[in-house]
Protein backbone atom coordinates (compact mmCIF):
# COMPACT_ATOMS: atom_id res chain seq x y z
CA UNK A 1 114.00 -161.58 89.74
CA UNK A 2 113.57 -158.42 87.72
CA UNK A 3 111.46 -155.62 89.15
CA UNK A 4 108.91 -154.20 86.72
CA UNK A 5 108.05 -150.55 86.52
CA UNK A 6 104.79 -151.10 84.67
CA UNK A 7 102.19 -153.56 86.04
CA UNK A 8 100.72 -153.99 82.54
CA UNK A 9 104.11 -155.29 81.39
CA UNK A 10 104.09 -157.82 84.21
CA UNK A 11 100.68 -159.13 83.17
CA UNK A 12 101.68 -159.27 79.50
CA UNK A 13 104.93 -161.11 80.23
CA UNK A 14 103.17 -163.54 82.54
CA UNK A 15 100.64 -164.34 79.80
CA UNK A 16 103.41 -164.87 77.26
CA UNK A 17 105.30 -167.13 79.67
CA UNK A 18 102.10 -169.10 80.31
CA UNK A 19 101.59 -169.50 76.55
CA UNK A 20 105.13 -170.81 76.14
CA UNK A 21 104.67 -173.18 79.09
CA UNK A 22 101.45 -174.50 77.53
CA UNK A 23 103.22 -175.16 74.23
CA UNK A 24 106.09 -176.92 75.99
CA UNK A 25 103.66 -178.96 78.11
CA UNK A 26 101.74 -180.04 75.01
CA UNK A 27 104.96 -181.25 73.37
CA UNK A 28 105.96 -183.09 76.54
CA UNK A 29 102.55 -184.75 76.82
CA UNK A 30 102.76 -186.03 73.23
CA UNK A 31 106.32 -187.26 73.80
CA UNK A 32 105.35 -189.10 76.96
CA UNK A 33 101.97 -190.34 75.66
CA UNK A 34 101.95 -190.43 71.85
CA UNK A 35 98.53 -190.98 70.30
CA UNK A 36 97.77 -194.58 69.39
CA UNK A 37 98.95 -195.30 65.85
CA UNK A 38 100.86 -192.03 65.56
CA UNK A 39 103.87 -191.88 63.30
CA UNK A 40 106.96 -189.70 63.64
CA UNK A 41 105.78 -187.80 60.54
CA UNK A 42 102.43 -187.02 62.17
CA UNK A 43 104.15 -185.80 65.33
CA UNK A 44 106.55 -183.75 63.18
CA UNK A 45 103.57 -181.71 61.96
CA UNK A 46 102.67 -180.90 65.57
CA UNK A 47 106.25 -179.91 66.31
CA UNK A 48 106.35 -177.61 63.28
CA UNK A 49 103.19 -175.85 64.49
CA UNK A 50 104.65 -175.54 67.99
CA UNK A 51 107.88 -174.12 66.56
CA UNK A 52 105.91 -171.54 64.60
CA UNK A 53 104.03 -170.50 67.75
CA UNK A 54 107.30 -170.19 69.67
CA UNK A 55 108.85 -168.00 66.96
CA UNK A 56 105.77 -165.77 66.89
CA UNK A 57 105.97 -165.37 70.66
CA UNK A 58 109.68 -164.54 70.45
CA UNK A 59 109.01 -161.92 67.77
CA UNK A 60 106.27 -160.31 69.85
CA UNK A 61 108.57 -160.11 72.85
CA UNK A 62 111.51 -158.69 70.93
CA UNK A 63 109.39 -156.13 69.07
CA UNK A 64 107.32 -154.96 72.06
CA UNK A 65 108.39 -151.47 73.08
CA UNK A 66 109.82 -151.28 76.58
CA UNK A 67 110.81 -147.63 76.40
CA UNK A 68 113.66 -147.02 78.81
CA UNK A 69 112.73 -149.93 81.09
CA UNK A 70 115.88 -152.03 80.83
CA UNK A 71 114.56 -154.63 83.27
CA UNK A 72 111.50 -155.24 81.07
CA UNK A 73 113.72 -155.44 78.00
CA UNK A 74 115.92 -158.05 79.69
CA UNK A 75 112.93 -160.13 80.80
CA UNK A 76 111.55 -160.08 77.28
CA UNK A 77 114.93 -160.97 75.80
CA UNK A 78 115.18 -163.99 78.09
CA UNK A 79 111.66 -165.15 77.29
CA UNK A 80 112.30 -164.74 73.56
CA UNK A 81 115.57 -166.67 73.83
CA UNK A 82 113.83 -169.57 75.58
CA UNK A 83 111.08 -169.58 72.94
CA UNK A 84 113.61 -169.61 70.09
CA UNK A 85 115.55 -172.49 71.63
CA UNK A 86 112.37 -174.54 71.84
CA UNK A 87 111.44 -173.56 68.27
CA UNK A 88 114.83 -174.56 66.87
CA UNK A 89 114.79 -177.96 68.54
CA UNK A 90 111.16 -178.62 67.57
CA UNK A 91 112.00 -177.73 63.96
CA UNK A 92 115.03 -180.02 64.03
CA UNK A 93 112.97 -182.90 65.43
CA UNK A 94 110.33 -182.31 62.76
CA UNK A 95 112.94 -182.47 59.98
CA UNK A 96 114.44 -185.65 61.41
CA UNK A 97 111.04 -187.37 61.66
CA UNK A 98 108.97 -185.98 58.79
CA UNK A 99 109.66 -188.81 56.33
CA UNK A 100 108.93 -191.66 58.74
CA UNK A 101 105.26 -192.52 58.25
CA UNK A 102 105.05 -195.92 59.95
CA UNK A 103 103.35 -196.05 63.35
CA UNK A 104 105.69 -195.75 66.34
CA UNK A 105 105.18 -199.40 67.22
CA UNK A 106 106.27 -200.54 63.74
CA UNK A 107 109.34 -198.44 62.94
CA UNK A 108 112.27 -199.78 60.96
CA UNK A 109 115.81 -199.26 62.29
CA UNK A 110 116.36 -195.86 60.62
CA UNK A 111 112.99 -194.52 61.71
CA UNK A 112 113.50 -195.81 65.24
CA UNK A 113 116.89 -194.09 65.38
CA UNK A 114 115.36 -190.81 64.16
CA UNK A 115 112.48 -191.09 66.64
CA UNK A 116 114.82 -191.83 69.53
CA UNK A 117 117.04 -188.85 68.68
CA UNK A 118 114.11 -186.45 68.23
CA UNK A 119 112.41 -187.69 71.39
CA UNK A 120 115.59 -187.29 73.45
CA UNK A 121 116.40 -183.79 72.23
CA UNK A 122 112.85 -182.51 72.53
CA UNK A 123 112.29 -184.09 75.93
CA UNK A 124 115.49 -182.51 77.25
CA UNK A 125 114.62 -179.11 75.76
CA UNK A 126 111.03 -179.10 76.98
CA UNK A 127 111.92 -180.11 80.53
CA UNK A 128 114.56 -177.38 80.52
CA UNK A 129 112.06 -174.78 79.32
CA UNK A 130 109.51 -175.84 81.92
CA UNK A 131 112.13 -175.63 84.67
CA UNK A 132 113.34 -172.18 83.55
CA UNK A 133 110.00 -170.42 83.15
CA UNK A 134 109.03 -170.41 86.85
CA UNK A 135 112.36 -168.72 87.60
CA UNK A 136 111.44 -165.72 85.44
CA UNK A 137 109.36 -163.93 88.05
CA UNK A 138 107.09 -161.26 86.68
CA UNK A 139 106.35 -159.19 89.76
CA UNK A 140 105.79 -155.55 90.43
CA UNK A 141 108.60 -153.57 92.00
């Protein structure tokens, strides 16, 4: 736990962490319950949008001025790192799946292999992100 010297920073960081958790939860929900008739290519579009959101969040955290508050800088660095890891894996999964347009229940062998790989990597990453975020306590000192 990192103490915060500025309560406004705590609120901001908590909101950013909640945004990242919502993005990760949305990905997990689609992985666990894909829409009826969805294809890997359709899901790849969602993952690309999620990756973009994660990168924007990481940029905001890295660029936000923390002054001399090293604890706030470290919290933001950790949150940005988690967001970038999710973005990278979501982008990778999107690339792997973007050309497979058949519905999930009618995939050929290559598409099924791509879907299985993307699903496994993203599921692992998202569950990791969701388990890490509660451990980044944003509390006043």
